Amino acid sequence: MRALFATLIRLVERDGSAALVTVSATHGSAPREAGARVVVARGGAISGTIGGGRLEHEAIQRALQLMEAGRDATELMRLALGPSLGQCCGGDVTLVVEVFGRSRLDQLGDLARAEARGPFQTLSQLVDGVPMVRAINEGQPAGNTVLLKEDGTLLESFGSPLRDLLLFGAGHVGKALVLALAPLPFSVRWIDSRPEMFPNLPFANLNCVVSDQPAAEAARAPDGAFVIIMTHDHGLDLNILDAALRLNRLPYVGLIGSATKRTRFEHRLKALGHSEAHARSFVCPIGIPGILSKEPAVIAASVAADLLLQDQKVRDMADQFVA
C-alpha cells in the first residue's frame, strides 16, 4: 500500500483515531501473504486489503471495537481460516491490529517521512495490548520482509521498490498503458515530443517528459529499467530501440507492433551493427500471447500483465544471485 502512514495521519487528524491491520504470519493456504495491510477508518471505510471475505470482516470489526474503546492499543489475532471462519483456504493467519490516536501523530510523522524517501525497514517489539513503537532500521535493505519472531520481535518492510519504466509515445495505447500502470509497482517516465499529447494525470509515480531527442532519453535509462516503445513514427521507434539495446543493461525492451514489424526491425538493427543475437533481444509483439484485440485498453491490460511477469522474473533472478 502506498502512502500508508500519510493515510493514517490524515484519518487520525480527521477522526481522532485510525487502525492498521497487518498480516504478520501465515501457515498453509491464506488469502494474502505476510505484509498485506488494510487501514480502517472510524466509520468503517478501508484502504488496502488483507484478502477480503470473513477474515477481513472479522479484522475490521475488531479494529472498530478497539477504536471505540478510545485508547491506543496493539492486539494479536490468530485465526484458523477453516474451523473458526469457514473459509476454504485451510491455513491460519496471525494479524496485528493497531489503533493510532492523536498522541501517536509524531511517530506516524517520522514513519511518513521515511516512507516518502523510499522503501524502508522497521524493528519493533510486539506486546499484546501495548502500543507498538517502530524503530527505523537505517541502512537496511527493504524487500518484502515481514517477520514475526517467537519473542515478539516484528521486522517489517514498507514501500515496494518501483521498477523504472521508460514509455515512449503518448498516443492512444500509451495513454491507456499509463492508466493501467498507475496502481502497479512502476515508476513511469513518459516521453513524447508533443506536449499537447499528455493528459493531466495526478499520478505520484508518473513523470511526463517533453523531448525531441527520445533516443538520448533512452541512452540515459537507469540500470534495470524497462523500456516500452510505441511512438507515432517507425523511424523514431528504431532510433530509440537502437539506443536502448546498446546499453546492454536493460532487462526488458519492448516494441509495439506485429511479427512483420519485428522482422523488419531485426534487419535494420543488424544494418546498424548489432549482432544477430543482439538484434533479436527485444520483445515484439508486446503483451500476453493470445490476446488479439487491438482496443487500446485491452492492449494496455495485456502489456501491464506481461510487465508484472517480467518484473517478477528479474526480481527472482536477483534474489537467487544474492542467495
Protein backbone atom coordinates (compact mmCIF):
# COMPACT_ATOMS: atom_id res chain seq x y z
CA MET A 1 0.00 0.00 0.00
CA ARG A 2 1.37 3.39 -0.99
CA ALA A 3 1.41 6.39 1.37
CA LEU A 4 0.35 4.13 4.24
CA PHE A 5 1.45 6.38 7.08
CA ALA A 6 0.31 9.56 5.35
CA THR A 7 -3.13 7.95 5.09
CA LEU A 8 -3.11 7.09 8.80
CA ILE A 9 -2.11 10.66 9.68
CA ARG A 10 -4.94 12.10 7.61
CA LEU A 11 -7.51 9.83 9.27
CA VAL A 12 -6.22 10.45 12.80
CA GLU A 13 -6.26 14.20 12.26
CA ARG A 14 -9.81 14.00 10.87
CA ASP A 15 -11.40 11.41 13.17
CA GLY A 16 -9.17 11.24 16.23
CA SER A 17 -8.06 7.67 15.58
CA ALA A 18 -7.48 5.09 12.87
CA ALA A 19 -6.46 1.44 12.78
CA LEU A 20 -3.97 -0.63 10.85
CA VAL A 21 -4.31 -4.39 10.38
CA THR A 22 -1.20 -6.25 9.20
CA VAL A 23 -0.81 -9.89 8.21
CA SER A 24 2.28 -10.75 10.26
CA ALA A 25 2.43 -14.50 9.60
CA THR A 26 0.68 -17.24 7.64
CA HIS A 27 0.80 -21.02 7.64
CA GLY A 28 -0.70 -23.11 4.90
CA SER A 29 -3.02 -21.56 2.36
CA ALA A 30 -4.10 -17.97 3.11
CA PRO A 31 -5.84 -15.19 1.17
CA ARG A 32 -2.85 -12.83 1.37
CA GLU A 33 0.83 -13.02 2.21
CA ALA A 34 2.61 -11.66 5.27
CA GLY A 35 2.91 -7.91 4.84
CA ALA A 36 -0.57 -7.37 3.43
CA ARG A 37 -2.26 -4.45 5.19
CA VAL A 38 -5.59 -2.68 5.49
CA VAL A 39 -6.23 0.74 7.05
CA VAL A 40 -9.55 1.09 8.86
CA ALA A 41 -11.24 4.46 9.46
CA ARG A 42 -13.57 5.19 12.37
CA GLY A 43 -16.64 4.93 10.13
CA GLY A 44 -15.61 1.55 8.72
CA ALA A 45 -14.13 2.73 5.41
CA ILE A 46 -10.98 0.85 4.43
CA SER A 47 -7.90 1.30 2.26
CA GLY A 48 -5.96 -1.78 1.16
CA THR A 49 -6.92 -5.39 1.80
CA ILE A 50 -5.80 -8.48 3.69
CA GLY A 51 -7.76 -10.73 1.35
CA GLY A 52 -11.43 -9.90 1.79
CA GLY A 53 -14.02 -12.41 2.97
CA ARG A 54 -14.73 -13.36 6.55
CA LEU A 55 -11.11 -12.88 7.63
CA GLU A 56 -11.09 -9.24 6.64
CA HIS A 57 -14.59 -8.69 8.05
CA GLU A 58 -13.56 -10.02 11.46
CA ALA A 59 -10.38 -7.95 11.46
CA ILE A 60 -12.24 -4.76 10.56
CA GLN A 61 -14.84 -5.37 13.26
CA ARG A 62 -12.14 -5.88 15.87
CA ALA A 63 -10.34 -2.73 14.74
CA LEU A 64 -13.59 -0.76 15.07
CA GLN A 65 -14.16 -2.18 18.56
CA LEU A 66 -10.68 -1.14 19.68
CA MET A 67 -11.14 2.35 18.27
CA GLU A 68 -14.50 2.62 20.02
CA ALA A 69 -12.77 1.77 23.31
CA GLY A 70 -10.91 5.05 22.91
CA ARG A 71 -7.31 4.07 23.56
CA ASP A 72 -4.21 3.26 21.57
CA ALA A 73 -3.64 -0.47 21.54
CA THR A 74 -1.98 -3.34 19.72
CA GLU A 75 -3.59 -6.75 19.59
CA LEU A 76 -2.66 -10.08 18.06
CA MET A 77 -5.36 -12.10 16.32
CA ARG A 78 -4.60 -15.71 15.45
CA LEU A 79 -7.27 -17.21 13.21
CA ALA A 80 -7.67 -20.68 11.71
CA LEU A 81 -9.36 -19.97 8.42
CA GLY A 82 -11.26 -23.25 8.19
CA PRO A 83 -12.50 -24.03 11.71
CA SER A 84 -13.06 -20.50 13.00
CA LEU A 85 -14.04 -18.60 9.86
CA GLY A 86 -15.44 -21.17 7.48
CA GLN A 87 -13.04 -20.15 4.71
CA CYS A 88 -11.81 -22.91 2.45
CA CYS A 89 -8.18 -21.69 2.32
CA GLY A 90 -7.36 -24.13 5.12
CA GLY A 91 -4.40 -22.29 6.63
CA ASP A 92 -4.07 -19.98 9.59
CA VAL A 93 -3.22 -16.30 9.81
CA THR A 94 -1.73 -14.06 12.50
CA LEU A 95 -2.85 -10.44 12.38
CA VAL A 96 -1.56 -7.40 14.21
CA VAL A 97 -4.35 -4.91 14.88
CA GLU A 98 -3.16 -1.42 15.89
CA VAL A 99 -5.06 1.69 16.90
CA PHE A 100 -3.40 5.07 16.45
CA GLY A 101 -4.67 8.15 18.28
CA ARG A 102 -3.54 11.76 18.26
CA SER A 103 -0.81 11.03 20.81
CA ARG A 104 1.00 8.97 18.18
CA LEU A 105 0.97 11.54 15.39
CA ASP A 106 4.66 12.33 15.94
CA GLN A 107 5.56 8.66 15.48
CA LEU A 108 3.40 8.47 12.37
CA GLY A 109 5.08 11.61 11.05
CA ASP A 110 8.53 10.05 11.36
CA LEU A 111 7.34 6.96 9.52
CA ALA A 112 5.59 9.02 6.82
CA ARG A 113 8.80 10.96 6.16
CA ALA A 114 10.76 7.69 5.89
CA GLU A 115 8.11 6.35 3.53
CA ALA A 116 8.40 9.44 1.32
CA ARG A 117 12.13 8.79 0.92
CA GLY A 118 11.55 5.29 -0.39
CA PRO A 119 11.33 1.70 0.87
CA PHE A 120 12.49 1.24 4.45
CA GLN A 121 12.55 -1.30 7.26
CA THR A 122 11.47 -1.13 10.90
CA LEU A 123 12.04 -3.21 14.01
CA SER A 124 9.60 -3.30 16.93
CA GLN A 125 8.68 -5.33 19.98
CA LEU A 126 5.13 -6.61 19.98
CA VAL A 127 3.42 -6.80 23.37
CA ASP A 128 -0.28 -7.59 23.32
CA GLY A 129 -2.28 -4.58 24.50
CA VAL A 130 0.63 -2.11 24.38
CA PRO A 131 1.04 0.44 21.55
CA MET A 132 3.83 -0.71 19.27
CA VAL A 133 6.75 1.64 18.58
CA ARG A 134 8.57 1.09 15.29
CA ALA A 135 12.27 1.91 15.17
CA ILE A 136 13.54 2.64 11.68
CA ASN A 137 16.40 0.34 10.66
CA GLU A 138 18.67 2.84 8.93
CA GLY A 139 20.69 1.44 6.06
CA GLN A 140 18.90 -1.90 5.98
CA PRO A 141 17.55 -3.18 2.65
CA ALA A 142 13.78 -3.21 2.42
CA GLY A 143 12.42 -6.10 0.42
CA ASN A 144 9.05 -7.66 1.10
CA THR A 145 10.04 -8.82 4.57
CA VAL A 146 7.54 -9.15 7.41
CA LEU A 147 8.81 -11.48 10.09
CA LEU A 148 7.21 -12.10 13.50
CA LYS A 149 9.60 -13.96 15.80
CA GLU A 150 8.65 -16.10 18.77
CA ASP A 151 9.92 -13.45 21.20
CA GLY A 152 7.53 -10.86 19.73
CA THR A 153 10.13 -9.05 17.63
CA LEU A 154 8.50 -7.78 14.45
CA LEU A 155 10.59 -6.93 11.40
CA GLU A 156 8.66 -5.07 8.71
CA SER A 157 9.37 -3.55 5.32
CA PHE A 158 7.33 -0.67 3.97
CA GLY A 159 7.11 0.62 0.43
CA SER A 160 7.58 -1.52 -2.64
CA PRO A 161 10.68 -0.87 -4.73
CA LEU A 162 9.44 0.54 -8.03
CA ARG A 163 10.72 -0.64 -11.40
CA ASP A 164 11.84 2.27 -13.60
CA LEU A 165 9.94 2.19 -16.87
CA LEU A 166 10.53 4.47 -19.85
CA LEU A 167 7.45 4.72 -22.06
CA PHE A 168 7.97 6.34 -25.45
CA GLY A 169 4.81 7.58 -27.13
CA ALA A 170 1.71 9.38 -25.84
CA GLY A 171 -0.81 8.06 -28.33
CA HIS A 172 -3.99 6.14 -27.56
CA VAL A 173 -2.20 2.99 -26.39
CA GLY A 174 0.36 4.99 -24.41
CA LYS A 175 -2.42 6.80 -22.55
CA ALA A 176 -4.21 3.52 -21.83
CA LEU A 177 -0.98 1.91 -20.62
CA VAL A 178 -0.24 4.77 -18.22
CA LEU A 179 -3.70 4.31 -16.70
CA ALA A 180 -3.15 0.55 -16.39
CA LEU A 181 0.26 1.04 -14.72
CA ALA A 182 -0.89 3.72 -12.26
CA PRO A 183 -1.60 1.33 -9.33
CA LEU A 184 1.27 -1.03 -10.17
CA PRO A 185 4.88 -1.01 -8.89
CA PHE A 186 6.39 1.00 -11.74
CA SER A 187 7.90 4.48 -11.84
CA VAL A 188 6.95 5.67 -15.31
CA ARG A 189 8.90 8.25 -17.30
CA TRP A 190 6.56 9.06 -20.20
CA ILE A 191 8.32 10.65 -23.17
CA ASP A 192 6.94 12.37 -26.25
CA SER A 193 7.88 15.40 -28.34
CA ARG A 194 4.30 16.74 -28.37
CA PRO A 195 3.35 18.46 -25.09
CA GLU A 196 -0.31 18.64 -26.03
CA MET A 197 -0.50 14.84 -26.05
CA PHE A 198 -0.03 14.49 -22.30
CA PRO A 199 -3.25 14.43 -20.28
CA ASN A 200 -3.29 15.94 -16.80
CA LEU A 201 -2.94 12.80 -14.68
CA PRO A 202 -2.14 13.28 -10.97
CA PHE A 203 -0.23 10.03 -10.52
CA ALA A 204 2.59 10.01 -7.99
CA ASN A 205 4.77 7.62 -9.99
CA LEU A 206 4.40 9.36 -13.36
CA ASN A 207 6.80 11.90 -14.87
CA CYS A 208 5.86 13.39 -18.26
CA VAL A 209 8.87 14.48 -20.34
CA VAL A 210 8.67 16.59 -23.50
CA SER A 211 11.70 15.75 -25.63
CA ASP A 212 12.54 15.92 -29.32
CA GLN A 213 15.52 13.60 -28.70
CA PRO A 214 13.93 10.38 -27.46
CA ALA A 215 16.95 8.25 -28.36
CA ALA A 216 19.05 10.37 -25.98
CA GLU A 217 16.43 9.77 -23.28
CA ALA A 218 16.72 6.02 -23.92
CA ALA A 219 20.52 6.19 -23.71
CA ARG A 220 20.18 7.65 -20.20
CA ALA A 221 17.91 4.89 -18.92
CA PRO A 222 18.92 3.73 -15.43
CA ASP A 223 20.25 0.24 -14.86
CA GLY A 224 17.49 -2.34 -14.69
CA ALA A 225 14.87 -0.13 -16.31
CA PHE A 226 12.18 -1.46 -18.63
CA VAL A 227 11.60 0.29 -21.95
CA ILE A 228 8.38 0.31 -23.97
CA ILE A 229 8.40 1.92 -27.42
CA MET A 230 5.16 2.97 -29.15
CA THR A 231 5.76 6.30 -30.88
CA HIS A 232 3.90 7.69 -33.89
CA ASP A 233 6.89 7.15 -36.21
CA HIS A 234 8.76 3.97 -37.14
CA GLY A 235 11.99 5.90 -37.65
CA LEU A 236 11.78 7.18 -34.07
CA ASP A 237 10.98 3.68 -32.87
CA LEU A 238 14.13 2.36 -34.49
CA ASN A 239 16.36 5.11 -33.10
CA ILE A 240 15.03 4.54 -29.57
CA LEU A 241 15.33 0.75 -29.88
CA ASP A 242 18.91 1.04 -31.16
CA ALA A 243 19.89 3.30 -28.25
CA ALA A 244 18.21 1.12 -25.63
CA LEU A 245 19.76 -2.13 -26.85
CA ARG A 246 23.25 -0.65 -26.96
CA LEU A 247 23.15 -0.15 -23.18
CA ASN A 248 23.26 -3.92 -22.52
CA ARG A 249 21.84 -3.37 -19.04
CA LEU A 250 18.09 -3.22 -19.56
CA PRO A 251 16.27 -6.48 -18.81
CA TYR A 252 13.22 -5.66 -20.94
CA VAL A 253 12.94 -3.63 -24.14
CA GLY A 254 9.57 -3.88 -25.85
CA LEU A 255 8.33 -2.53 -29.18
CA ILE A 256 4.66 -2.35 -30.11
CA GLY A 257 3.92 -3.94 -33.45
CA SER A 258 3.40 -7.13 -35.41
CA ALA A 259 5.67 -10.04 -36.21
CA THR A 260 6.29 -8.41 -39.60
CA LYS A 261 7.45 -5.19 -37.92
CA ARG A 262 9.73 -7.25 -35.71
CA THR A 263 11.39 -8.92 -38.72
CA ARG A 264 11.97 -5.58 -40.43
CA PHE A 265 13.46 -4.07 -37.29
CA GLU A 266 15.78 -7.04 -36.81
CA HIS A 267 17.19 -6.45 -40.29
CA ARG A 268 17.58 -2.73 -39.64
CA LEU A 269 19.33 -3.32 -36.31
CA LYS A 270 21.81 -5.68 -37.95
CA ALA A 271 22.48 -2.99 -40.57
CA LEU A 272 23.28 -0.63 -37.69
CA GLY A 273 25.93 -3.04 -36.44
CA HIS A 274 24.09 -5.21 -33.93
CA SER A 275 24.89 -8.91 -33.88
CA GLU A 276 22.14 -11.29 -34.92
CA ALA A 277 21.51 -12.36 -31.33
CA HIS A 278 21.53 -8.77 -30.09
CA ALA A 279 19.20 -7.66 -32.88
CA ARG A 280 16.69 -10.23 -31.67
CA SER A 281 16.90 -9.34 -27.99
CA PHE A 282 13.84 -7.08 -27.88
CA VAL A 283 10.20 -8.05 -27.39
CA CYS A 284 7.76 -7.57 -30.27
CA PRO A 285 4.82 -8.07 -30.29
CA ILE A 286 4.37 -6.99 -26.66
CA GLY A 287 1.82 -8.23 -24.16
CA ILE A 288 0.40 -11.63 -23.24
CA PRO A 289 0.29 -14.04 -26.20
CA GLY A 290 -3.20 -14.96 -27.33
CA ILE A 291 -4.88 -11.63 -26.57
CA LEU A 292 -5.72 -10.41 -30.06
CA SER A 293 -7.86 -7.32 -29.53
CA LYS A 294 -6.48 -4.04 -30.83
CA GLU A 295 -8.51 -1.91 -28.45
CA PRO A 296 -6.06 0.36 -26.56
CA ALA A 297 -7.41 -0.61 -23.13
CA VAL A 298 -7.12 -4.32 -23.91
CA ILE A 299 -3.60 -3.92 -25.27
CA ALA A 300 -2.68 -1.95 -22.15
CA ALA A 301 -4.06 -4.62 -19.83
CA SER A 302 -2.14 -7.30 -21.71
CA VAL A 303 1.11 -5.33 -21.66
CA ALA A 304 0.75 -4.42 -17.98
CA ALA A 305 0.21 -8.07 -17.05
CA ASP A 306 3.29 -9.11 -19.02
CA LEU A 307 5.37 -6.35 -17.41
CA LEU A 308 4.41 -7.68 -13.99
CA LEU A 309 5.57 -11.15 -15.06
CA GLN A 310 8.84 -9.79 -16.41
CA ASP A 311 9.42 -7.72 -13.28
CA GLN A 312 8.90 -10.79 -11.09
CA LYS A 313 11.35 -12.80 -13.19
CA VAL A 314 14.02 -10.12 -12.82
CA ARG A 315 13.47 -9.90 -9.06
CA ASP A 316 13.55 -13.70 -8.69
CA MET A 317 16.86 -13.84 -10.57
CA ALA A 318 18.29 -11.10 -8.37
CA ASP A 319 17.19 -12.96 -5.23
CA GLN A 320 18.84 -16.16 -6.48
CA PHE A 321 22.04 -14.26 -7.19
CA VAL A 322 22.10 -12.78 -3.68
CA ALA A 323 21.37 -16.16 -2.10
